[in-house]
N, C-alpha and C. Protein backbone atom coordinates (compact mmCIF):
# COMPACT_ATOMS: atom_id res chain seq x y z
N MET A 1 24.51 -2.74 0.68
CA MET A 1 23.20 -1.97 0.58
C MET A 1 22.62 -2.25 -0.74
N LYS A 2 21.37 -2.55 -0.73
CA LYS A 2 20.63 -3.07 -2.01
C LYS A 2 20.09 -1.67 -2.81
N THR A 3 20.09 -1.93 -4.11
CA THR A 3 19.75 -0.80 -4.96
C THR A 3 18.23 -0.83 -5.02
N LEU A 4 17.52 0.21 -5.46
CA LEU A 4 16.05 0.18 -5.61
C LEU A 4 15.70 -0.81 -6.55
N ASP A 5 16.32 -1.16 -7.74
CA ASP A 5 16.06 -2.17 -8.68
C ASP A 5 16.07 -3.53 -7.95
N GLU A 6 16.95 -3.76 -7.12
CA GLU A 6 17.10 -5.02 -6.44
C GLU A 6 15.87 -5.29 -5.39
N ILE A 7 15.57 -4.17 -4.63
CA ILE A 7 14.51 -4.29 -3.68
C ILE A 7 13.11 -4.45 -4.46
N VAL A 8 12.80 -3.83 -5.63
CA VAL A 8 11.68 -4.12 -6.31
C VAL A 8 11.71 -5.47 -6.87
N ALA A 9 12.71 -5.98 -7.34
CA ALA A 9 12.81 -7.34 -7.93
C ALA A 9 12.48 -8.32 -7.02
N GLU A 10 12.97 -8.13 -5.57
CA GLU A 10 12.72 -9.14 -4.60
C GLU A 10 11.45 -9.09 -3.97
N ALA A 11 10.63 -8.02 -4.15
CA ALA A 11 9.28 -7.85 -3.49
C ALA A 11 8.38 -8.80 -3.94
N PRO A 12 7.72 -9.53 -3.02
CA PRO A 12 6.68 -10.52 -3.36
C PRO A 12 5.68 -10.06 -4.45
N ILE A 13 5.09 -8.79 -4.24
CA ILE A 13 4.16 -8.38 -5.17
C ILE A 13 4.70 -8.28 -6.61
N PHE A 14 6.02 -8.13 -6.77
CA PHE A 14 6.55 -7.94 -8.13
C PHE A 14 7.26 -9.22 -8.72
N LYS A 15 7.29 -10.23 -7.90
CA LYS A 15 7.97 -11.57 -8.33
C LYS A 15 7.46 -11.99 -9.58
N GLY A 16 8.37 -12.32 -10.60
CA GLY A 16 8.06 -12.76 -11.92
C GLY A 16 7.79 -11.77 -12.95
N LEU A 17 7.83 -10.42 -12.54
CA LEU A 17 7.72 -9.40 -13.58
C LEU A 17 8.99 -9.45 -14.38
N ASP A 18 8.75 -9.17 -15.76
CA ASP A 18 10.01 -8.97 -16.51
C ASP A 18 10.73 -7.77 -16.10
N GLN A 19 11.94 -7.84 -16.57
CA GLN A 19 13.03 -6.81 -16.22
C GLN A 19 12.59 -5.41 -16.61
N ALA A 20 12.15 -5.33 -17.83
CA ALA A 20 11.62 -3.89 -18.24
C ALA A 20 10.51 -3.37 -17.33
N HIS A 21 9.67 -4.20 -16.92
CA HIS A 21 8.56 -3.64 -16.06
C HIS A 21 9.02 -3.37 -14.65
N LEU A 22 10.04 -4.22 -14.14
CA LEU A 22 10.65 -3.94 -12.78
C LEU A 22 11.39 -2.56 -12.86
N GLU A 23 11.98 -2.32 -14.09
CA GLU A 23 12.68 -1.00 -14.14
C GLU A 23 11.71 0.26 -14.25
N LEU A 24 10.52 -0.01 -14.72
CA LEU A 24 9.55 1.00 -14.83
C LEU A 24 9.07 1.33 -13.42
N ILE A 25 8.85 0.21 -12.62
CA ILE A 25 8.30 0.54 -11.22
C ILE A 25 9.54 1.16 -10.49
N ALA A 26 10.71 0.70 -10.51
CA ALA A 26 11.86 1.24 -9.63
C ALA A 26 11.99 2.83 -10.00
N GLY A 27 11.83 2.96 -11.31
CA GLY A 27 11.99 4.47 -11.80
C GLY A 27 11.04 5.42 -11.10
N CYS A 28 9.92 4.99 -10.40
CA CYS A 28 8.98 5.79 -9.77
C CYS A 28 9.09 5.74 -8.38
N GLY A 29 10.16 5.09 -7.77
CA GLY A 29 10.29 4.81 -6.34
C GLY A 29 11.29 5.70 -5.76
N ARG A 30 11.28 5.81 -4.37
CA ARG A 30 12.19 6.47 -3.55
C ARG A 30 12.20 5.86 -2.18
N ASN A 31 13.27 5.92 -1.45
CA ASN A 31 13.26 5.45 0.02
C ASN A 31 12.79 6.52 0.91
N ALA A 32 12.09 5.99 1.86
CA ALA A 32 11.58 6.92 2.95
C ALA A 32 11.55 6.28 4.29
N GLY A 33 11.39 7.06 5.32
CA GLY A 33 11.32 6.49 6.65
C GLY A 33 10.33 7.27 7.60
N LEU A 34 9.72 6.56 8.52
CA LEU A 34 8.91 7.06 9.48
C LEU A 34 9.22 6.59 10.92
N GLU A 35 8.92 7.45 11.83
CA GLU A 35 9.18 7.12 13.30
C GLU A 35 7.79 6.45 13.62
N ALA A 36 7.93 5.78 14.80
CA ALA A 36 6.72 5.14 15.35
C ALA A 36 5.60 6.31 15.60
N GLY A 37 4.34 5.97 15.16
CA GLY A 37 3.17 6.93 15.32
C GLY A 37 3.02 7.86 14.19
N GLN A 38 3.95 8.01 13.28
CA GLN A 38 3.85 8.74 12.03
C GLN A 38 2.84 8.08 11.13
N TYR A 39 2.16 8.99 10.28
CA TYR A 39 1.26 8.41 9.36
C TYR A 39 1.75 8.50 7.98
N LEU A 40 1.68 7.32 7.15
CA LEU A 40 2.07 7.38 5.84
C LEU A 40 0.98 8.12 5.03
N PHE A 41 -0.28 7.86 5.43
CA PHE A 41 -1.41 8.60 4.81
C PHE A 41 -2.66 8.54 5.69
N ARG A 42 -3.58 9.53 5.44
CA ARG A 42 -4.81 9.66 6.32
C ARG A 42 -5.96 9.33 5.36
N GLU A 43 -6.97 8.71 5.88
CA GLU A 43 -8.21 8.48 5.32
C GLU A 43 -8.77 9.77 4.61
N ARG A 44 -9.18 9.70 3.39
CA ARG A 44 -9.67 10.81 2.59
C ARG A 44 -8.66 11.62 1.99
N GLY A 45 -7.41 11.49 2.32
CA GLY A 45 -6.37 12.35 1.82
C GLY A 45 -6.02 11.87 0.41
N ARG A 46 -5.22 12.66 -0.25
CA ARG A 46 -4.88 12.44 -1.63
C ARG A 46 -4.00 11.12 -1.81
N ALA A 47 -4.48 10.11 -2.53
CA ALA A 47 -3.81 8.89 -2.81
C ALA A 47 -2.87 9.04 -3.97
N ASP A 48 -1.70 9.49 -3.72
CA ASP A 48 -0.74 9.54 -4.93
C ASP A 48 0.55 8.73 -4.79
N THR A 49 0.43 7.79 -3.81
CA THR A 49 1.67 6.95 -3.58
C THR A 49 1.17 5.65 -3.15
N PHE A 50 2.06 4.65 -3.33
CA PHE A 50 1.79 3.32 -2.57
C PHE A 50 3.26 2.95 -2.14
N TYR A 51 3.26 2.07 -1.07
CA TYR A 51 4.44 1.88 -0.36
C TYR A 51 4.81 0.43 -0.34
N LEU A 52 6.07 0.02 -0.22
CA LEU A 52 6.56 -1.34 -0.03
C LEU A 52 7.29 -1.24 1.40
N VAL A 53 6.93 -1.95 2.29
CA VAL A 53 7.43 -2.02 3.59
C VAL A 53 8.86 -2.75 3.48
N ARG A 54 9.95 -2.03 3.98
CA ARG A 54 11.32 -2.70 3.90
C ARG A 54 11.63 -3.13 5.31
N ARG A 55 11.19 -2.38 6.31
CA ARG A 55 11.42 -2.70 7.72
C ARG A 55 10.32 -2.22 8.49
N GLY A 56 10.07 -2.79 9.64
CA GLY A 56 9.06 -2.42 10.51
C GLY A 56 7.61 -2.76 10.22
N ARG A 57 6.59 -2.28 10.91
CA ARG A 57 5.29 -2.57 10.76
C ARG A 57 4.46 -1.35 10.66
N VAL A 58 3.30 -1.54 9.89
CA VAL A 58 2.49 -0.51 9.62
C VAL A 58 1.00 -0.93 9.94
N LEU A 59 0.36 -0.10 10.54
CA LEU A 59 -1.09 -0.48 10.98
C LEU A 59 -1.96 0.25 9.84
N LEU A 60 -2.99 -0.51 9.43
CA LEU A 60 -4.19 0.10 8.57
C LEU A 60 -5.30 0.25 9.57
N GLU A 61 -5.72 1.38 9.61
CA GLU A 61 -6.83 1.84 10.77
C GLU A 61 -7.94 2.52 9.94
N THR A 62 -9.23 2.41 10.61
CA THR A 62 -10.28 3.22 10.21
C THR A 62 -10.95 3.84 11.40
N PHE A 63 -11.50 4.93 11.34
CA PHE A 63 -12.17 5.54 12.50
C PHE A 63 -13.51 4.89 12.57
N VAL A 64 -13.90 4.42 13.78
CA VAL A 64 -15.34 4.10 14.02
C VAL A 64 -15.94 4.92 15.11
N PRO A 65 -17.02 5.61 14.72
CA PRO A 65 -17.63 6.62 15.58
C PRO A 65 -17.98 5.89 17.01
N GLY A 66 -17.71 6.61 17.97
CA GLY A 66 -17.81 6.09 19.33
C GLY A 66 -17.02 5.03 19.78
N ARG A 67 -15.84 4.61 18.94
CA ARG A 67 -15.02 3.66 19.44
C ARG A 67 -13.49 4.10 19.17
N GLY A 68 -13.33 4.97 18.18
CA GLY A 68 -12.03 5.46 17.79
C GLY A 68 -11.40 4.84 16.79
N ALA A 69 -10.09 4.66 16.67
CA ALA A 69 -9.44 3.98 15.60
C ALA A 69 -9.53 2.43 15.77
N LEU A 70 -9.83 1.88 14.62
CA LEU A 70 -9.85 0.40 14.61
C LEU A 70 -8.95 -0.20 13.73
N THR A 71 -8.02 -1.08 14.22
CA THR A 71 -6.95 -1.75 13.42
C THR A 71 -7.62 -2.66 12.47
N ILE A 72 -7.40 -2.48 11.14
CA ILE A 72 -7.97 -3.37 10.11
C ILE A 72 -6.89 -4.56 9.80
N GLU A 73 -5.62 -4.08 9.83
CA GLU A 73 -4.57 -5.04 9.46
C GLU A 73 -3.19 -4.50 9.81
N THR A 74 -2.25 -5.33 10.16
CA THR A 74 -0.94 -4.94 10.39
C THR A 74 -0.17 -5.39 9.35
N LEU A 75 0.75 -4.65 8.59
CA LEU A 75 1.53 -5.06 7.45
C LEU A 75 2.92 -4.96 7.82
N ASP A 76 3.71 -6.04 7.38
CA ASP A 76 4.99 -6.23 7.77
C ASP A 76 6.05 -6.11 6.56
N GLU A 77 7.22 -6.44 6.76
CA GLU A 77 8.29 -6.34 5.73
C GLU A 77 7.91 -7.08 4.51
N GLY A 78 8.07 -6.48 3.28
CA GLY A 78 7.77 -7.11 2.06
C GLY A 78 6.38 -6.90 1.48
N GLU A 79 5.57 -6.35 2.40
CA GLU A 79 4.08 -6.18 1.92
C GLU A 79 3.93 -4.89 1.34
N ALA A 80 3.06 -4.68 0.37
CA ALA A 80 2.60 -3.54 -0.27
C ALA A 80 1.47 -2.82 0.56
N ILE A 81 1.52 -1.55 0.55
CA ILE A 81 0.50 -0.64 1.18
C ILE A 81 -0.04 0.19 0.15
N GLY A 82 -1.38 0.15 -0.05
CA GLY A 82 -2.08 1.19 -0.76
C GLY A 82 -2.47 0.68 -2.26
N TRP A 83 -3.66 0.92 -2.52
CA TRP A 83 -4.13 0.68 -3.88
C TRP A 83 -4.98 1.77 -4.42
N SER A 84 -5.27 2.66 -3.58
CA SER A 84 -6.21 3.83 -4.03
C SER A 84 -5.59 4.74 -5.03
N TRP A 85 -4.31 4.66 -5.23
CA TRP A 85 -3.58 5.42 -6.32
C TRP A 85 -4.07 4.96 -7.61
N LEU A 86 -4.60 3.88 -7.73
CA LEU A 86 -5.02 3.24 -9.06
C LEU A 86 -6.31 3.74 -9.61
N PHE A 87 -7.25 4.28 -8.59
CA PHE A 87 -8.58 4.55 -9.08
C PHE A 87 -8.97 5.94 -8.61
N PRO A 88 -9.46 6.75 -9.72
CA PRO A 88 -10.15 7.96 -9.30
C PRO A 88 -11.25 7.82 -8.37
N PRO A 89 -11.33 8.66 -7.33
CA PRO A 89 -10.83 10.02 -7.29
C PRO A 89 -9.41 10.07 -6.62
N TYR A 90 -8.74 8.99 -6.35
CA TYR A 90 -7.44 8.86 -5.78
C TYR A 90 -7.48 9.52 -4.40
N ARG A 91 -8.30 8.86 -3.63
CA ARG A 91 -8.42 9.19 -2.12
C ARG A 91 -8.25 7.90 -1.29
N TRP A 92 -7.50 7.99 -0.18
CA TRP A 92 -7.33 6.93 0.76
C TRP A 92 -8.63 6.59 1.48
N HIS A 93 -8.67 5.30 1.60
CA HIS A 93 -9.90 4.69 2.29
C HIS A 93 -9.58 4.23 3.71
N TYR A 94 -8.28 4.51 4.17
CA TYR A 94 -7.87 4.02 5.50
C TYR A 94 -6.83 5.02 5.98
N ASP A 95 -6.40 4.93 7.20
CA ASP A 95 -5.20 5.58 7.66
C ASP A 95 -4.15 4.48 7.68
N ALA A 96 -2.87 4.83 7.53
CA ALA A 96 -1.66 3.90 7.69
C ALA A 96 -0.77 4.58 8.64
N ARG A 97 -0.41 3.94 9.72
CA ARG A 97 0.43 4.49 10.78
C ARG A 97 1.60 3.52 11.06
N ALA A 98 2.72 4.13 11.14
CA ALA A 98 3.94 3.33 11.55
C ALA A 98 3.75 2.84 13.11
N LEU A 99 3.93 1.58 13.21
CA LEU A 99 3.74 1.01 14.59
C LEU A 99 5.11 1.13 15.32
N ASP A 100 6.27 1.10 14.60
CA ASP A 100 7.59 1.16 15.00
C ASP A 100 8.35 2.03 13.94
N LEU A 101 9.68 2.06 14.18
CA LEU A 101 10.44 2.58 13.20
C LEU A 101 10.26 1.77 11.77
N VAL A 102 9.87 2.63 10.78
CA VAL A 102 9.60 1.86 9.45
C VAL A 102 10.39 2.47 8.34
N ARG A 103 10.71 1.65 7.52
CA ARG A 103 11.45 2.07 6.27
C ARG A 103 10.67 1.63 5.10
N VAL A 104 10.38 2.32 4.14
CA VAL A 104 9.50 1.94 2.93
C VAL A 104 10.21 2.54 1.64
N VAL A 105 9.75 1.87 0.59
CA VAL A 105 10.00 2.46 -0.78
C VAL A 105 8.55 3.10 -1.05
N ALA A 106 8.65 4.31 -1.35
CA ALA A 106 7.42 5.14 -1.71
C ALA A 106 7.30 5.23 -3.30
N PHE A 107 6.23 4.86 -3.86
CA PHE A 107 6.20 4.79 -5.27
C PHE A 107 5.27 5.87 -5.80
N ASP A 108 5.50 6.63 -6.76
CA ASP A 108 4.75 7.75 -7.08
C ASP A 108 3.73 7.28 -8.05
N GLY A 109 2.39 7.40 -7.53
CA GLY A 109 1.25 6.76 -8.19
C GLY A 109 0.99 7.50 -9.80
N ALA A 110 1.21 8.73 -9.74
CA ALA A 110 1.01 9.40 -10.99
C ALA A 110 2.08 8.91 -12.15
N CYS A 111 3.24 8.91 -11.54
CA CYS A 111 4.28 8.31 -12.40
C CYS A 111 3.98 7.08 -13.03
N LEU A 112 3.47 6.08 -12.16
CA LEU A 112 3.13 4.78 -12.57
C LEU A 112 1.84 4.67 -13.43
N ARG A 113 0.86 5.49 -13.11
CA ARG A 113 -0.39 5.70 -13.97
C ARG A 113 0.03 5.96 -15.39
N GLY A 114 0.95 6.99 -15.43
CA GLY A 114 1.39 7.35 -16.79
C GLY A 114 2.10 6.39 -17.66
N LYS A 115 2.81 5.52 -16.97
CA LYS A 115 3.54 4.36 -17.50
C LYS A 115 2.48 3.24 -17.89
N CYS A 116 1.42 3.14 -17.08
CA CYS A 116 0.42 2.13 -17.46
C CYS A 116 -0.36 2.63 -18.70
N GLU A 117 -0.59 3.86 -18.74
CA GLU A 117 -1.30 4.32 -20.03
C GLU A 117 -0.40 4.17 -21.36
N ASP A 118 0.86 4.32 -21.10
CA ASP A 118 1.83 4.13 -22.28
C ASP A 118 1.97 2.62 -22.63
N ASP A 119 1.85 1.79 -21.59
CA ASP A 119 1.97 0.33 -21.87
C ASP A 119 0.94 -0.39 -21.16
N ARG A 120 -0.20 -0.66 -21.94
CA ARG A 120 -1.34 -1.30 -21.37
C ARG A 120 -1.11 -2.68 -20.81
N ALA A 121 -0.14 -3.43 -21.35
CA ALA A 121 0.16 -4.80 -20.85
C ALA A 121 0.77 -4.49 -19.39
N PHE A 122 1.60 -3.52 -19.07
CA PHE A 122 2.18 -3.23 -17.84
C PHE A 122 0.97 -2.80 -16.79
N GLY A 123 0.10 -1.97 -17.42
CA GLY A 123 -1.01 -1.52 -16.58
C GLY A 123 -1.78 -2.81 -16.08
N TYR A 124 -2.21 -3.68 -17.05
CA TYR A 124 -2.88 -4.90 -16.69
C TYR A 124 -2.15 -5.65 -15.56
N GLU A 125 -0.91 -5.86 -15.76
CA GLU A 125 0.01 -6.59 -14.86
C GLU A 125 -0.06 -5.92 -13.60
N LEU A 126 0.01 -4.73 -13.34
CA LEU A 126 -0.05 -4.00 -12.04
C LEU A 126 -1.37 -4.24 -11.48
N LEU A 127 -2.44 -4.02 -12.21
CA LEU A 127 -3.76 -4.36 -11.73
C LEU A 127 -4.06 -5.70 -11.26
N HIS A 128 -3.49 -6.65 -11.89
CA HIS A 128 -3.59 -8.09 -11.61
C HIS A 128 -2.88 -8.24 -10.29
N ARG A 129 -1.74 -7.62 -10.01
CA ARG A 129 -1.04 -7.87 -8.83
C ARG A 129 -1.52 -7.09 -7.59
N PHE A 130 -2.19 -5.89 -7.73
CA PHE A 130 -2.84 -5.17 -6.79
C PHE A 130 -4.23 -5.69 -6.43
N SER A 131 -4.80 -6.35 -7.32
CA SER A 131 -6.22 -6.92 -6.88
C SER A 131 -6.29 -7.80 -5.56
N PRO A 132 -5.31 -8.71 -5.40
CA PRO A 132 -5.26 -9.52 -4.13
C PRO A 132 -5.15 -8.66 -2.87
N VAL A 133 -4.32 -7.53 -3.10
CA VAL A 133 -4.05 -6.60 -1.96
C VAL A 133 -5.42 -5.96 -1.65
N MET A 134 -6.07 -5.40 -2.57
CA MET A 134 -7.38 -4.85 -2.37
C MET A 134 -8.29 -5.87 -1.69
N LEU A 135 -8.46 -7.01 -2.22
CA LEU A 135 -9.36 -7.98 -1.70
C LEU A 135 -8.99 -8.35 -0.25
N GLU A 136 -7.75 -8.56 -0.03
CA GLU A 136 -7.37 -8.86 1.44
C GLU A 136 -7.65 -7.64 2.33
N GLN A 137 -7.43 -6.56 1.99
CA GLN A 137 -7.75 -5.40 2.80
C GLN A 137 -9.36 -5.14 3.05
N LEU A 138 -10.13 -5.51 1.95
CA LEU A 138 -11.54 -5.26 2.07
C LEU A 138 -12.12 -6.52 3.06
N GLN A 139 -11.51 -7.62 2.90
CA GLN A 139 -12.00 -8.75 3.62
C GLN A 139 -11.67 -8.49 5.10
N ALA A 140 -10.28 -7.97 5.35
CA ALA A 140 -9.98 -7.72 6.83
C ALA A 140 -10.78 -6.61 7.34
N THR A 141 -11.33 -5.63 6.54
CA THR A 141 -12.13 -4.55 7.03
C THR A 141 -13.50 -5.16 7.45
N ARG A 142 -13.96 -6.01 6.51
CA ARG A 142 -15.20 -6.71 6.87
C ARG A 142 -15.29 -7.46 8.16
N LEU A 143 -14.20 -8.23 8.31
CA LEU A 143 -14.14 -9.06 9.62
C LEU A 143 -14.04 -8.17 10.80
N GLN A 144 -13.21 -7.11 10.78
CA GLN A 144 -13.13 -6.28 11.92
C GLN A 144 -14.34 -5.62 12.25
N LEU A 145 -15.01 -5.08 11.26
CA LEU A 145 -16.35 -4.47 11.55
C LEU A 145 -17.49 -5.43 12.03
N LEU A 146 -17.42 -6.64 11.66
CA LEU A 146 -18.17 -7.68 12.17
C LEU A 146 -17.99 -7.78 13.63
N ASP A 147 -16.69 -7.88 14.05
CA ASP A 147 -16.35 -7.95 15.37
C ASP A 147 -16.85 -6.75 16.16
N VAL A 148 -16.63 -5.51 15.70
CA VAL A 148 -17.11 -4.38 16.41
C VAL A 148 -18.60 -4.25 16.49
N TYR A 149 -19.32 -4.44 15.40
CA TYR A 149 -20.73 -4.25 15.42
C TYR A 149 -21.49 -5.58 15.86
N GLY A 150 -20.79 -6.58 15.75
CA GLY A 150 -21.55 -7.94 16.32
C GLY A 150 -21.43 -7.94 17.75
N SER A 151 -20.52 -7.29 18.42
CA SER A 151 -20.52 -7.30 19.81
C SER A 151 -21.29 -6.15 20.52
N VAL A 152 -21.92 -5.40 19.71
CA VAL A 152 -22.68 -4.21 20.19
C VAL A 152 -24.18 -4.72 20.72
N ALA A 153 -24.53 -5.75 20.04
CA ALA A 153 -25.84 -6.32 20.33
C ALA A 153 -26.33 -6.43 21.77
C-alpha cells in the first residue's frame, strides 16, 4: 500500500516538484471514497478541497435549464479535480459526481492556501500547475455548451 507522500509524488500534476513542496501538499491530504452516484461537490457550494482521483471515474457536470445535467468532462485515475479552492469567493462552478466506486485523495484548500501565503514560490508553482486544469475544464464547458445550444436552432 502506497503512502500519501508516494501518491502525491506520482501524480502527473505534481511531477517534478521538489521534495519539500511534495511534503507540503501531502501534509494537507487525506484518503476518501465515494460510491457511484455520490457527489464530491455541488455547484455553488463551498470550494474548500481539491481531489486527486486514485481509482474510478468522476463526472464534471453543470445544470442546463430545460435539459438537466450536462456532462462537461469525465475524469479518470491520476487526474486532479477542482481549482475553485484557489480563488475567492471559493465556490464550485460545477458538480462532481462519482460514476462508479471512486477513491480520491482530498486536499484541504485552506491548508494549502496558507502554505502558499507562507511560501510564494510554492504558491506560484501550484497556480502554474492548476492553470492547465482550469483551461481544460473551461474549454470542455465551452464545447459542450456549443453542442447543446448549437443543436437548438
